PDB file of all heavy atoms in Angstrom:
ATOM      1  N   THR A   1      68.293  53.877  68.119  1.00  0.00           N
ATOM      2  CA  THR A   1      69.479  53.512  68.905  1.00  0.00           C
ATOM      3  C   THR A   1      69.294  53.773  70.390  1.00  0.00           C
ATOM      4  O   THR A   1      70.185  53.452  71.175  1.00  0.00           O
ATOM      5  CB  THR A   1      70.718  54.289  68.431  1.00  0.00           C
ATOM      6  OG1 THR A   1      70.511  55.676  68.683  1.00  0.00           O
ATOM      7  CG2 THR A   1      71.011  54.042  66.969  1.00  0.00           C
ATOM      8  N   GLY A   2      68.177  54.374  70.761  1.00  0.00           N
ATOM      9  CA  GLY A   2      67.942  54.655  72.170  1.00  0.00           C
ATOM     10  C   GLY A   2      68.400  56.033  72.616  1.00  0.00           C
ATOM     11  O   GLY A   2      68.330  56.347  73.804  1.00  0.00           O
ATOM     12  N   CYS A   3      68.853  56.850  71.697  1.00  0.00           N
ATOM     13  CA  CYS A   3      69.194  58.223  72.078  1.00  0.00           C
ATOM     14  C   CYS A   3      67.938  58.914  72.592  1.00  0.00           C
ATOM     15  O   CYS A   3      66.835  58.650  72.122  1.00  0.00           O
ATOM     16  CB  CYS A   3      69.754  58.994  70.886  1.00  0.00           C
ATOM     17  SG  CYS A   3      71.442  58.548  70.470  1.00  0.00           S
ATOM     18  N   GLU A   4      68.135  59.795  73.558  1.00  0.00           N
ATOM     19  CA  GLU A   4      67.011  60.521  74.129  1.00  0.00           C
ATOM     20  C   GLU A   4      66.912  61.953  73.616  1.00  0.00           C
ATOM     21  O   GLU A   4      65.854  62.573  73.722  1.00  0.00           O
ATOM     22  CB  GLU A   4      67.129  60.521  75.655  1.00  0.00           C
ATOM     23  CG  GLU A   4      66.998  59.135  76.240  1.00  0.00           C
ATOM     24  CD  GLU A   4      67.153  59.107  77.752  1.00  0.00           C
ATOM     25  OE1 GLU A   4      66.966  60.156  78.403  1.00  0.00           O
ATOM     26  OE2 GLU A   4      67.465  58.022  78.274  1.00  0.00           O
ATOM     27  N   TRP A   5      67.998  62.494  73.093  1.00  0.00           N
ATOM     28  CA  TRP A   5      68.034  63.881  72.662  1.00  0.00           C
ATOM     29  C   TRP A   5      68.768  63.979  71.330  1.00  0.00           C
ATOM     30  O   TRP A   5      69.804  63.358  71.142  1.00  0.00           O
ATOM     31  CB  TRP A   5      68.763  64.759  73.683  1.00  0.00           C
ATOM     32  CG  TRP A   5      68.145  64.694  75.037  1.00  0.00           C
ATOM     33  CD1 TRP A   5      68.557  63.938  76.102  1.00  0.00           C
ATOM     34  CD2 TRP A   5      66.983  65.384  75.467  1.00  0.00           C
ATOM     35  NE1 TRP A   5      67.732  64.122  77.166  1.00  0.00           N
ATOM     36  CE2 TRP A   5      66.741  65.011  76.809  1.00  0.00           C
ATOM     37  CE3 TRP A   5      66.114  66.275  74.865  1.00  0.00           C
ATOM     38  CZ2 TRP A   5      65.679  65.505  77.543  1.00  0.00           C
ATOM     39  CZ3 TRP A   5      65.055  66.772  75.605  1.00  0.00           C
ATOM     40  CH2 TRP A   5      64.852  66.390  76.922  1.00  0.00           C
ATOM     41  N   LEU A   6      68.232  64.806  70.440  1.00  0.00           N
ATOM     42  CA  LEU A   6      68.906  65.116  69.183  1.00  0.00           C
ATOM     43  C   LEU A   6      69.054  66.628  69.117  1.00  0.00           C
ATOM     44  O   LEU A   6      68.062  67.353  69.101  1.00  0.00           O
ATOM     45  CB  LEU A   6      68.112  64.595  67.983  1.00  0.00           C
ATOM     46  CG  LEU A   6      68.753  64.791  66.616  1.00  0.00           C
ATOM     47  CD1 LEU A   6      70.114  64.096  66.533  1.00  0.00           C
ATOM     48  CD2 LEU A   6      67.828  64.285  65.515  1.00  0.00           C
ATOM     49  N   HIS A   7      70.268  67.086  69.155  1.00  0.00           N
ATOM     50  CA  HIS A   7      70.594  68.512  69.186  1.00  0.00           C
ATOM     51  C   HIS A   7      70.952  69.010  67.788  1.00  0.00           C
ATOM     52  O   HIS A   7      71.462  68.254  66.971  1.00  0.00           O
ATOM     53  CB  HIS A   7      71.812  68.761  70.080  1.00  0.00           C
ATOM     54  CG  HIS A   7      71.698  68.210  71.458  1.00  0.00           C
ATOM     55  ND1 HIS A   7      71.326  68.978  72.528  1.00  0.00           N
ATOM     56  CD2 HIS A   7      71.911  66.963  71.949  1.00  0.00           C
ATOM     57  CE1 HIS A   7      71.323  68.236  73.624  1.00  0.00           C
ATOM     58  NE2 HIS A   7      71.674  67.004  73.298  1.00  0.00           N
ATOM     59  N   VAL A   8      70.746  70.285  67.565  1.00  0.00           N
ATOM     60  CA  VAL A   8      71.211  70.922  66.335  1.00  0.00           C
ATOM     61  C   VAL A   8      71.483  72.392  66.645  1.00  0.00           C
ATOM     62  O   VAL A   8      70.802  73.009  67.458  1.00  0.00           O
ATOM     63  CB  VAL A   8      70.184  70.786  65.180  1.00  0.00           C
ATOM     64  CG1 VAL A   8      68.903  71.552  65.454  1.00  0.00           C
ATOM     65  CG2 VAL A   8      70.790  71.215  63.841  1.00  0.00           C
ATOM     66  N   ASP A   9      72.518  72.925  66.045  1.00  0.00           N
ATOM     67  CA  ASP A   9      72.693  74.379  66.043  1.00  0.00           C
ATOM     68  C   ASP A   9      72.862  74.805  64.599  1.00  0.00           C
ATOM     69  O   ASP A   9      73.197  74.001  63.732  1.00  0.00           O
ATOM     70  CB  ASP A   9      73.807  74.863  66.966  1.00  0.00           C
ATOM     71  CG  ASP A   9      75.192  74.443  66.539  1.00  0.00           C
ATOM     72  OD1 ASP A   9      75.332  73.642  65.605  1.00  0.00           O
ATOM     73  OD2 ASP A   9      76.162  74.927  67.130  1.00  0.00           O
ATOM     74  N   PHE A  10      72.580  76.083  64.332  1.00  0.00           N
ATOM     75  CA  PHE A  10      72.500  76.525  62.939  1.00  0.00           C
ATOM     76  C   PHE A  10      72.536  78.041  62.882  1.00  0.00           C
ATOM     77  O   PHE A  10      72.351  78.720  63.896  1.00  0.00           O
ATOM     78  CB  PHE A  10      71.202  76.008  62.293  1.00  0.00           C
ATOM     79  CG  PHE A  10      69.992  76.233  63.147  1.00  0.00           C
ATOM     80  CD1 PHE A  10      69.344  77.452  63.165  1.00  0.00           C
ATOM     81  CD2 PHE A  10      69.514  75.220  63.971  1.00  0.00           C
ATOM     82  CE1 PHE A  10      68.245  77.668  63.970  1.00  0.00           C
ATOM     83  CE2 PHE A  10      68.403  75.417  64.777  1.00  0.00           C
ATOM     84  CZ  PHE A  10      67.769  76.645  64.774  1.00  0.00           C
ATOM     85  N   ASP A  11      72.739  78.559  61.697  1.00  0.00           N
ATOM     86  CA  ASP A  11      72.689  79.998  61.464  1.00  0.00           C
ATOM     87  C   ASP A  11      71.232  80.478  61.538  1.00  0.00           C
ATOM     88  O   ASP A  11      70.303  79.710  61.219  1.00  0.00           O
ATOM     89  CB  ASP A  11      73.276  80.344  60.098  1.00  0.00           C
ATOM     90  CG  ASP A  11      74.774  80.135  60.041  1.00  0.00           C
ATOM     91  OD1 ASP A  11      75.443  80.225  61.098  1.00  0.00           O
ATOM     92  OD2 ASP A  11      75.298  79.878  58.934  1.00  0.00           O
ATOM     93  N   PRO A  12      71.025  81.726  61.956  1.00  0.00           N
ATOM     94  CA  PRO A  12      69.664  82.229  62.167  1.00  0.00           C
ATOM     95  C   PRO A  12      68.712  82.072  60.971  1.00  0.00           C
ATOM     96  O   PRO A  12      67.528  81.809  61.163  1.00  0.00           O
ATOM     97  CB  PRO A  12      69.871  83.711  62.504  1.00  0.00           C
ATOM     98  CG  PRO A  12      71.231  83.760  63.114  1.00  0.00           C
ATOM     99  CD  PRO A  12      72.034  82.716  62.370  1.00  0.00           C
ATOM    100  N   HIS A  13      69.220  82.191  59.752  1.00  0.00           N
ATOM    101  CA  HIS A  13      68.318  82.089  58.598  1.00  0.00           C
ATOM    102  C   HIS A  13      67.725  80.681  58.428  1.00  0.00           C
ATOM    103  O   HIS A  13      66.765  80.494  57.686  1.00  0.00           O
ATOM    104  CB  HIS A  13      69.021  82.552  57.314  1.00  0.00           C
ATOM    105  CG  HIS A  13      70.036  81.592  56.790  1.00  0.00           C
ATOM    106  ND1 HIS A  13      71.329  81.521  57.286  1.00  0.00           N
ATOM    107  CD2 HIS A  13      69.947  80.648  55.827  1.00  0.00           C
ATOM    108  CE1 HIS A  13      71.994  80.581  56.644  1.00  0.00           C
ATOM    109  NE2 HIS A  13      71.183  80.029  55.750  1.00  0.00           N
ATOM    110  N   LEU A  14      68.263  79.704  59.154  1.00  0.00           N
ATOM    111  CA  LEU A  14      67.760  78.330  59.064  1.00  0.00           C
ATOM    112  C   LEU A  14      66.727  77.986  60.139  1.00  0.00           C
ATOM    113  O   LEU A  14      66.253  76.856  60.206  1.00  0.00           O
ATOM    114  CB  LEU A  14      68.924  77.337  59.117  1.00  0.00           C
ATOM    115  CG  LEU A  14      69.874  77.412  57.919  1.00  0.00           C
ATOM    116  CD1 LEU A  14      71.096  76.551  58.151  1.00  0.00           C
ATOM    117  CD2 LEU A  14      69.158  77.017  56.640  1.00  0.00           C
ATOM    118  N   ARG A  15      66.361  78.965  60.970  1.00  0.00           N
ATOM    119  CA  ARG A  15      65.365  78.729  62.017  1.00  0.00           C
ATOM    120  C   ARG A  15      64.069  78.130  61.462  1.00  0.00           C
ATOM    121  O   ARG A  15      63.579  77.131  61.994  1.00  0.00           O
ATOM    122  CB  ARG A  15      65.059  80.018  62.782  1.00  0.00           C
ATOM    123  CG  ARG A  15      66.164  80.460  63.705  1.00  0.00           C
ATOM    124  CD  ARG A  15      65.814  81.789  64.394  1.00  0.00           C
ATOM    125  NE  ARG A  15      64.697  81.661  65.306  1.00  0.00           N
ATOM    126  CZ  ARG A  15      64.799  81.319  66.592  1.00  0.00           C
ATOM    127  NH1 ARG A  15      65.992  81.094  67.113  1.00  0.00           N
ATOM    128  NH2 ARG A  15      63.730  81.213  67.336  1.00  0.00           N
ATOM    129  N   PRO A  16      63.475  78.697  60.405  1.00  0.00           N
ATOM    130  CA  PRO A  16      62.225  78.102  59.892  1.00  0.00           C
ATOM    131  C   PRO A  16      62.396  76.643  59.460  1.00  0.00           C
ATOM    132  O   PRO A  16      61.504  75.822  59.679  1.00  0.00           O
ATOM    133  CB  PRO A  16      61.850  78.991  58.703  1.00  0.00           C
ATOM    134  CG  PRO A  16      62.532  80.291  58.981  1.00  0.00           C
ATOM    135  CD  PRO A  16      63.811  79.927  59.686  1.00  0.00           C
ATOM    136  N   PHE A  17      63.534  76.331  58.866  1.00  0.00           N
ATOM    137  CA  PHE A  17      63.764  74.946  58.440  1.00  0.00           C
ATOM    138  C   PHE A  17      63.795  74.003  59.643  1.00  0.00           C
ATOM    139  O   PHE A  17      63.053  73.014  59.690  1.00  0.00           O
ATOM    140  CB  PHE A  17      65.062  74.823  57.635  1.00  0.00           C
ATOM    141  CG  PHE A  17      65.437  73.398  57.344  1.00  0.00           C
ATOM    142  CD1 PHE A  17      64.685  72.641  56.455  1.00  0.00           C
ATOM    143  CD2 PHE A  17      66.512  72.805  57.977  1.00  0.00           C
ATOM    144  CE1 PHE A  17      65.008  71.310  56.198  1.00  0.00           C
ATOM    145  CE2 PHE A  17      66.843  71.479  57.732  1.00  0.00           C
ATOM    146  CZ  PHE A  17      66.091  70.726  56.836  1.00  0.00           C
ATOM    147  N   TYR A  18      64.642  74.284  60.609  1.00  0.00           N
ATOM    148  CA  TYR A  18      64.794  73.363  61.730  1.00  0.00           C
ATOM    149  C   TYR A  18      63.604  73.388  62.686  1.00  0.00           C
ATOM    150  O   TYR A  18      63.180  72.345  63.167  1.00  0.00           O
ATOM    151  CB  TYR A  18      66.101  73.628  62.481  1.00  0.00           C
ATOM    152  CG  TYR A  18      67.290  73.087  61.720  1.00  0.00           C
ATOM    153  CD1 TYR A  18      68.169  73.940  61.080  1.00  0.00           C
ATOM    154  CD2 TYR A  18      67.528  71.715  61.622  1.00  0.00           C
ATOM    155  CE1 TYR A  18      69.257  73.446  60.373  1.00  0.00           C
ATOM    156  CE2 TYR A  18      68.601  71.212  60.917  1.00  0.00           C
ATOM    157  CZ  TYR A  18      69.468  72.076  60.285  1.00  0.00           C
ATOM    158  OH  TYR A  18      70.528  71.581  59.583  1.00  0.00           O
ATOM    159  N   PHE A  19      63.036  74.559  62.958  1.00  0.00           N
ATOM    160  CA  PHE A  19      61.940  74.639  63.912  1.00  0.00           C
ATOM    161  C   PHE A  19      60.595  74.274  63.282  1.00  0.00           C
ATOM    162  O   PHE A  19      59.835  73.501  63.854  1.00  0.00           O
ATOM    163  CB  PHE A  19      61.856  76.027  64.550  1.00  0.00           C
ATOM    164  CG  PHE A  19      63.003  76.357  65.471  1.00  0.00           C
ATOM    165  CD1 PHE A  19      63.319  77.674  65.736  1.00  0.00           C
ATOM    166  CD2 PHE A  19      63.764  75.372  66.079  1.00  0.00           C
ATOM    167  CE1 PHE A  19      64.365  78.001  66.593  1.00  0.00           C
ATOM    168  CE2 PHE A  19      64.811  75.678  66.930  1.00  0.00           C
ATOM    169  CZ  PHE A  19      65.114  77.003  67.189  1.00  0.00           C
ATOM    170  N   GLU A  20      60.288  74.831  62.132  1.00  0.00           N
ATOM    171  CA  GLU A  20      58.972  74.608  61.526  1.00  0.00           C
ATOM    172  C   GLU A  20      58.924  73.330  60.694  1.00  0.00           C
ATOM    173  O   GLU A  20      58.030  72.504  60.865  1.00  0.00           O
ATOM    174  CB  GLU A  20      58.573  75.821  60.692  1.00  0.00           C
ATOM    175  CG  GLU A  20      58.387  77.075  61.533  1.00  0.00           C
ATOM    176  CD  GLU A  20      58.328  78.351  60.715  1.00  0.00           C
ATOM    177  OE1 GLU A  20      57.998  78.285  59.504  1.00  0.00           O
ATOM    178  OE2 GLU A  20      58.624  79.422  61.292  1.00  0.00           O
ATOM    179  N   ALA A  21      59.865  73.148  59.801  1.00  0.00           N
ATOM    180  CA  ALA A  21      59.823  71.988  58.901  1.00  0.00           C
ATOM    181  C   ALA A  21      60.233  70.699  59.596  1.00  0.00           C
ATOM    182  O   ALA A  21      59.637  69.648  59.362  1.00  0.00           O
ATOM    183  CB  ALA A  21      60.708  72.233  57.681  1.00  0.00           C
ATOM    184  N   CYS A  22      61.235  70.773  60.471  1.00  0.00           N
ATOM    185  CA  CYS A  22      61.800  69.550  61.051  1.00  0.00           C
ATOM    186  C   CYS A  22      61.353  69.266  62.478  1.00  0.00           C
ATOM    187  O   CYS A  22      61.624  68.189  62.994  1.00  0.00           O
ATOM    188  CB  CYS A  22      63.324  69.605  61.000  1.00  0.00           C
ATOM    189  SG  CYS A  22      63.960  69.658  59.314  1.00  0.00           S
ATOM    190  N   GLY A  23      60.697  70.214  63.137  1.00  0.00           N
ATOM    191  CA  GLY A  23      60.122  69.951  64.445  1.00  0.00           C
ATOM    192  C   GLY A  23      61.049  70.117  65.641  1.00  0.00           C
ATOM    193  O   GLY A  23      60.699  69.707  66.746  1.00  0.00           O
ATOM    194  N   PHE A  24      62.208  70.704  65.456  1.00  0.00           N
ATOM    195  CA  PHE A  24      63.068  70.996  66.613  1.00  0.00           C
ATOM    196  C   PHE A  24      62.420  72.116  67.421  1.00  0.00           C
ATOM    197  O   PHE A  24      61.660  72.925  66.888  1.00  0.00           O
ATOM    198  CB  PHE A  24      64.462  71.428  66.159  1.00  0.00           C
ATOM    199  CG  PHE A  24      65.311  70.296  65.672  1.00  0.00           C
ATOM    200  CD1 PHE A  24      65.213  69.854  64.366  1.00  0.00           C
ATOM    201  CD2 PHE A  24      66.219  69.663  66.515  1.00  0.00           C
ATOM    202  CE1 PHE A  24      65.990  68.804  63.899  1.00  0.00           C
ATOM    203  CE2 PHE A  24      66.998  68.611  66.066  1.00  0.00           C
ATOM    204  CZ  PHE A  24      66.884  68.178  64.755  1.00  0.00           C
ATOM    205  N   THR A  25      62.716  72.167  68.713  1.00  0.00           N
ATOM    206  CA  THR A  25      62.205  73.234  69.556  1.00  0.00           C
ATOM    207  C   THR A  25      63.366  74.083  70.057  1.00  0.00           C
ATOM    208  O   THR A  25      64.472  73.576  70.280  1.00  0.00           O
ATOM    209  CB  THR A  25      61.427  72.675  70.763  1.00  0.00           C
ATOM    210  OG1 THR A  25      62.281  71.819  71.504  1.00  0.00           O
ATOM    211  CG2 THR A  25      60.197  71.920  70.318  1.00  0.00           C
ATOM    212  N   PRO A  26      63.127  75.373  70.245  1.00  0.00           N
ATOM    213  CA  PRO A  26      64.185  76.242  70.751  1.00  0.00           C
ATOM    214  C   PRO A  26      64.582  75.845  72.177  1.00  0.00           C
ATOM    215  O   PRO A  26      63.740  75.435  72.971  1.00  0.00           O
ATOM    216  CB  PRO A  26      63.558  77.634  70.749  1.00  0.00           C
ATOM    217  CG  PRO A  26      62.352  77.532  69.880  1.00  0.00           C
ATOM    218  CD  PRO A  26      61.895  76.108  69.931  1.00  0.00           C
ATOM    219  N   THR A  27      65.857  75.957  72.473  1.00  0.00           N
ATOM    220  CA  THR A  27      66.371  75.688  73.816  1.00  0.00           C
ATOM    221  C   THR A  27      67.411  76.751  74.148  1.00  0.00           C
ATOM    222  O   THR A  27      67.921  77.431  73.269  1.00  0.00           O
ATOM    223  CB  THR A  27      67.054  74.316  73.903  1.00  0.00           C
ATOM    224  OG1 THR A  27      68.191  74.306  73.044  1.00  0.00           O
ATOM    225  CG2 THR A  27      66.119  73.192  73.544  1.00  0.00           C
ATOM    226  N   ASP A  28      67.718  76.854  75.420  1.00  0.00           N
ATOM    227  CA  ASP A  28      68.844  77.677  75.808  1.00  0.00           C
ATOM    228  C   ASP A  28      70.107  76.865  75.571  1.00  0.00           C
ATOM    229  O   ASP A  28      70.156  75.681  75.865  1.00  0.00           O
ATOM    230  CB  ASP A  28      68.766  78.029  77.299  1.00  0.00           C
ATOM    231  CG  ASP A  28      67.654  79.018  77.583  1.00  0.00           C
ATOM    232  OD1 ASP A  28      67.333  79.824  76.696  1.00  0.00           O
ATOM    233  OD2 ASP A  28      67.096  78.972  78.695  1.00  0.00           O
ATOM    234  N   ALA A  29      71.078  77.498  75.009  1.00  0.00           N
ATOM    235  CA  ALA A  29      72.366  76.827  74.755  1.00  0.00           C
ATOM    236  C   ALA A  29      73.451  77.878  74.851  1.00  0.00           C
ATOM    237  O   ALA A  29      73.181  79.074  74.828  1.00  0.00           O
ATOM    238  CB  ALA A  29      72.363  76.172  73.382  1.00  0.00           C
ATOM    239  N   GLY A  30      74.661  77.426  74.945  1.00  0.00           N
ATOM    240  CA  GLY A  30      75.789  78.344  75.017  1.00  0.00           C
ATOM    241  C   GLY A  30      76.883  77.927  74.057  1.00  0.00           C
ATOM    242  O   GLY A  30      76.923  76.794  73.594  1.00  0.00           O
ATOM    243  N   LEU A  31      77.773  78.856  73.790  1.00  0.00           N
ATOM    244  CA  LEU A  31      78.857  78.619  72.856  1.00  0.00           C
ATOM    245  C   LEU A  31      80.063  79.437  73.258  1.00  0.00           C
ATOM    246  O   LEU A  31      79.933  80.624  73.584  1.00  0.00           O
ATOM    247  CB  LEU A  31      78.402  79.009  71.435  1.00  0.00           C
ATOM    248  CG  LEU A  31      79.406  78.857  70.313  1.00  0.00           C
ATOM    249  CD1 LEU A  31      79.689  77.384  70.051  1.00  0.00           C
ATOM    250  CD2 LEU A  31      78.868  79.521  69.053  1.00  0.00           C
ATOM    251  N   VAL A  32      81.219  78.833  73.258  1.00  0.00           N
ATOM    252  CA  VAL A  32      82.473  79.534  73.451  1.00  0.00           C
ATOM    253  C   VAL A  32      83.271  79.406  72.176  1.00  0.00           C
ATOM    254  O   VAL A  32      83.635  78.292  71.762  1.00  0.00           O
ATOM    255  CB  VAL A  32      83.296  78.919  74.625  1.00  0.00           C
ATOM    256  CG1 VAL A  32      84.667  79.550  74.709  1.00  0.00           C
ATOM    257  CG2 VAL A  32      82.550  79.072  75.932  1.00  0.00           C
ATOM    258  N   PRO A  33      83.529  80.510  71.460  1.00  0.00           N
ATOM    259  CA  PRO A  33      84.347  80.413  70.257  1.00  0.00           C
ATOM    260  C   PRO A  33      85.791  80.099  70.628  1.00  0.00           C
ATOM    261  O   PRO A  33      86.358  80.725  71.516  1.00  0.00           O
ATOM    262  CB  PRO A  33      84.220  81.792  69.609  1.00  0.00           C
ATOM    263  CG  PRO A  33      83.659  82.686  70.640  1.00  0.00           C
ATOM    264  CD  PRO A  33      83.042  81.848  71.710  1.00  0.00           C
ATOM    265  N   LEU A  34      86.347  79.095  69.982  1.00  0.00           N
ATOM    266  CA  LEU A  34      87.713  78.671  70.283  1.00  0.00           C
ATOM    267  C   LEU A  34      88.717  79.199  69.261  1.00  0.00           C
ATOM    268  O   LEU A  34      89.921  79.033  69.454  1.00  0.00           O
ATOM    269  CB  LEU A  34      87.788  77.146  70.350  1.00  0.00           C
ATOM    270  CG  LEU A  34      86.885  76.521  71.415  1.00  0.00           C
ATOM    271  CD1 LEU A  34      86.942  75.008  71.333  1.00  0.00           C
ATOM    272  CD2 LEU A  34      87.264  76.997  72.806  1.00  0.00           C
TER     273      LEU A  34
END
């Protein structure tokens, strides 16, 4: 579709899945709980 970025956030125990298995890279991000 021409998207340039695909973001994901997740619980810490899913780091190996998203980073190792799926190829996402760590980034700085922020969150404000509403």
